[in-house]
Amino acid sequence: VLIKLIAKNAGVNGSVVTEKVLANDNFRYGYNAATGKYEDLMTAGIIDPTKVVRCCLEHAASVAKTFITSDAVVVDIKEPEKAAAAAGNPMGGSGFGF
């Protein structure tokens, strides 16, 4: 969650900040990492730029549309890692090659 990351970067426990913010019914209430205060973020001037939010939604819709209208999608499939060779004597037997 973004609020936890912001709090962690500010040197505060992210879980505590998240719980306190979610306990408040005001959707504009949040944690101001610059001042260390809980306050109405809109009043404090901390807002998401509308253009950024709009662009994110437009790009997400575009990607979803591409997946829906595509006949096939190519993705990378990770191959399972091979097990490491077992430790032991590579010569077998007594170890002297017999």
C-alpha atoms as a PDB file:
ATOM      1  CA  VAL A   1       0.000   0.000   0.000  1.00  0.00           C
ATOM      2  CA  LEU A   2       1.346   3.407  -0.949  1.00  0.00           C
ATOM      3  CA  ILE A   3       0.684   4.997   2.443  1.00  0.00           C
ATOM      4  CA  LYS A   4       2.858   2.358   4.138  1.00  0.00           C
ATOM      5  CA  LEU A   5       5.731   3.080   1.749  1.00  0.00           C
ATOM      6  CA  ILE A   6       5.456   6.834   2.287  1.00  0.00           C
ATOM      7  CA  ALA A   7       5.441   6.340   6.064  1.00  0.00           C
ATOM      8  CA  LYS A   8       8.395   3.934   5.909  1.00  0.00           C
ATOM      9  CA  ASN A   9      10.394   6.409   3.823  1.00  0.00           C
ATOM     10  CA  ALA A  10       9.608   9.059   6.443  1.00  0.00           C
ATOM     11  CA  GLY A  11      10.964   6.774   9.186  1.00  0.00           C
ATOM     12  CA  VAL A  12       7.561   5.981  10.702  1.00  0.00           C
ATOM     13  CA  ASN A  13       5.820   2.621  11.206  1.00  0.00           C
ATOM     14  CA  GLY A  14       3.647   2.195   8.105  1.00  0.00           C
ATOM     15  CA  SER A  15       1.156  -0.146   9.766  1.00  0.00           C
ATOM     16  CA  VAL A  16       0.412   2.337  12.539  1.00  0.00           C
ATOM     17  CA  VAL A  17      -0.058   5.177  10.051  1.00  0.00           C
ATOM     18  CA  THR A  18      -2.352   3.070   7.857  1.00  0.00           C
ATOM     19  CA  GLU A  19      -4.521   1.996  10.794  1.00  0.00           C
ATOM     20  CA  LYS A  20      -4.881   5.545  12.063  1.00  0.00           C
ATOM     21  CA  VAL A  21      -5.795   6.918   8.627  1.00  0.00           C
ATOM     22  CA  LEU A  22      -8.293   4.129   7.900  1.00  0.00           C
ATOM     23  CA  ALA A  23      -9.945   4.626  11.304  1.00  0.00           C
ATOM     24  CA  ASN A  24     -10.975   8.156  10.277  1.00  0.00           C
ATOM     25  CA  ASP A  25     -14.198   8.520   8.258  1.00  0.00           C
ATOM     26  CA  ASN A  26     -13.005  11.616   6.370  1.00  0.00           C
ATOM     27  CA  PHE A  27     -11.656  10.438   2.987  1.00  0.00           C
ATOM     28  CA  ARG A  28      -9.419  13.528   2.818  1.00  0.00           C
ATOM     29  CA  TYR A  29      -7.727  12.714   6.146  1.00  0.00           C
ATOM     30  CA  GLY A  30      -4.211  11.350   5.862  1.00  0.00           C
ATOM     31  CA  TYR A  31      -0.614  11.453   6.991  1.00  0.00           C
ATOM     32  CA  ASN A  32       1.559  14.386   5.938  1.00  0.00           C
ATOM     33  CA  ALA A  33       5.060  12.889   5.839  1.00  0.00           C
ATOM     34  CA  ALA A  34       6.671  16.316   5.424  1.00  0.00           C
ATOM     35  CA  THR A  35       5.337  17.574   8.771  1.00  0.00           C
ATOM     36  CA  GLY A  36       4.689  14.277  10.552  1.00  0.00           C
ATOM     37  CA  LYS A  37       1.072  15.284  11.198  1.00  0.00           C
ATOM     38  CA  TYR A  38      -2.280  13.672  10.476  1.00  0.00           C
ATOM     39  CA  GLU A  39      -4.485  16.220   8.764  1.00  0.00           C
ATOM     40  CA  ASP A  40      -6.912  17.040   5.957  1.00  0.00           C
ATOM     41  CA  LEU A  41      -4.598  16.575   2.983  1.00  0.00           C
ATOM     42  CA  MET A  42      -6.689  18.693   0.606  1.00  0.00           C
ATOM     43  CA  THR A  43      -6.487  21.659   2.987  1.00  0.00           C
ATOM     44  CA  ALA A  44      -2.743  21.076   3.336  1.00  0.00           C
ATOM     45  CA  GLY A  45      -2.396  21.183  -0.458  1.00  0.00           C
ATOM     46  CA  ILE A  46      -1.403  17.542  -0.860  1.00  0.00           C
ATOM     47  CA  ILE A  47      -3.403  16.231  -3.817  1.00  0.00           C
ATOM     48  CA  ASP A  48      -2.911  13.905  -6.758  1.00  0.00           C
ATOM     49  CA  PRO A  49      -2.638  15.857  -9.974  1.00  0.00           C
ATOM     50  CA  THR A  50      -5.768  15.159 -12.004  1.00  0.00           C
ATOM     51  CA  LYS A  51      -3.756  14.596 -15.163  1.00  0.00           C
ATOM     52  CA  VAL A  52      -1.714  11.809 -13.553  1.00  0.00           C
ATOM     53  CA  VAL A  53      -4.794   9.973 -12.308  1.00  0.00           C
ATOM     54  CA  ARG A  54      -6.546  10.413 -15.666  1.00  0.00           C
ATOM     55  CA  CYS A  55      -3.517   9.118 -17.598  1.00  0.00           C
ATOM     56  CA  CYS A  56      -3.244   6.064 -15.356  1.00  0.00           C
ATOM     57  CA  LEU A  57      -6.891   5.199 -15.939  1.00  0.00           C
ATOM     58  CA  GLU A  58      -6.622   5.762 -19.688  1.00  0.00           C
ATOM     59  CA  HIS A  59      -3.536   3.548 -19.994  1.00  0.00           C
ATOM     60  CA  ALA A  60      -5.074   0.808 -17.858  1.00  0.00           C
ATOM     61  CA  ALA A  61      -8.203   0.849 -20.032  1.00  0.00           C
ATOM     62  CA  SER A  62      -6.066   0.734 -23.177  1.00  0.00           C
ATOM     63  CA  VAL A  63      -4.128  -2.305 -21.952  1.00  0.00           C
ATOM     64  CA  ALA A  64      -7.345  -4.072 -20.929  1.00  0.00           C
ATOM     65  CA  LYS A  65      -8.857  -3.350 -24.363  1.00  0.00           C
ATOM     66  CA  THR A  66      -5.771  -4.770 -26.074  1.00  0.00           C
ATOM     67  CA  PHE A  67      -5.981  -8.007 -24.091  1.00  0.00           C
ATOM     68  CA  ILE A  68      -9.704  -8.374 -24.729  1.00  0.00           C
ATOM     69  CA  THR A  69      -9.470  -7.820 -28.484  1.00  0.00           C
ATOM     70  CA  SER A  70      -6.332  -9.905 -29.052  1.00  0.00           C
ATOM     71  CA  ASP A  71      -6.558 -13.447 -30.386  1.00  0.00           C
ATOM     72  CA  ALA A  72      -3.330 -14.367 -28.637  1.00  0.00           C
ATOM     73  CA  VAL A  73      -0.984 -12.871 -26.094  1.00  0.00           C
ATOM     74  CA  VAL A  74       2.716 -13.703 -25.882  1.00  0.00           C
ATOM     75  CA  VAL A  75       4.250 -13.794 -22.419  1.00  0.00           C
ATOM     76  CA  ASP A  76       7.538 -15.003 -21.001  1.00  0.00           C
ATOM     77  CA  ILE A  77       7.292 -18.204 -19.009  1.00  0.00           C
ATOM     78  CA  LYS A  78      10.030 -18.710 -16.487  1.00  0.00           C
ATOM     79  CA  GLU A  79      11.594 -22.133 -16.644  1.00  0.00           C
ATOM     80  CA  PRO A  80      11.843 -23.914 -13.311  1.00  0.00           C
ATOM     81  CA  GLU A  81      15.311 -23.798 -11.853  1.00  0.00           C
ATOM     82  CA  LYS A  82      17.257 -27.014 -12.169  1.00  0.00           C
ATOM     83  CA  ALA A  83      18.141 -28.717  -8.921  1.00  0.00           C
ATOM     84  CA  ALA A  84      21.757 -28.352  -7.878  1.00  0.00           C
ATOM     85  CA  ALA A  85      23.963 -31.395  -8.326  1.00  0.00           C
ATOM     86  CA  ALA A  86      24.097 -33.604  -5.285  1.00  0.00           C
ATOM     87  CA  ALA A  87      27.243 -33.262  -3.227  1.00  0.00           C
ATOM     88  CA  GLY A  88      29.411 -36.336  -3.172  1.00  0.00           C
ATOM     89  CA  ASN A  89      32.260 -38.100  -4.846  1.00  0.00           C
ATOM     90  CA  PRO A  90      32.114 -37.460  -8.609  1.00  0.00           C
ATOM     91  CA  MET A  91      34.268 -40.553  -9.224  1.00  0.00           C
ATOM     92  CA  GLY A  92      31.856 -42.864  -7.429  1.00  0.00           C
ATOM     93  CA  GLY A  93      32.829 -45.978  -5.495  1.00  0.00           C
ATOM     94  CA  SER A  94      35.970 -45.730  -3.414  1.00  0.00           C
ATOM     95  CA  GLY A  95      37.003 -42.382  -4.752  1.00  0.00           C
ATOM     96  CA  PHE A  96      40.044 -43.704  -6.561  1.00  0.00           C
ATOM     97  CA  GLY A  97      38.314 -44.179  -9.895  1.00  0.00           C
ATOM     98  CA  PHE A  98      37.988 -48.003  -9.635  1.00  0.00           C
END
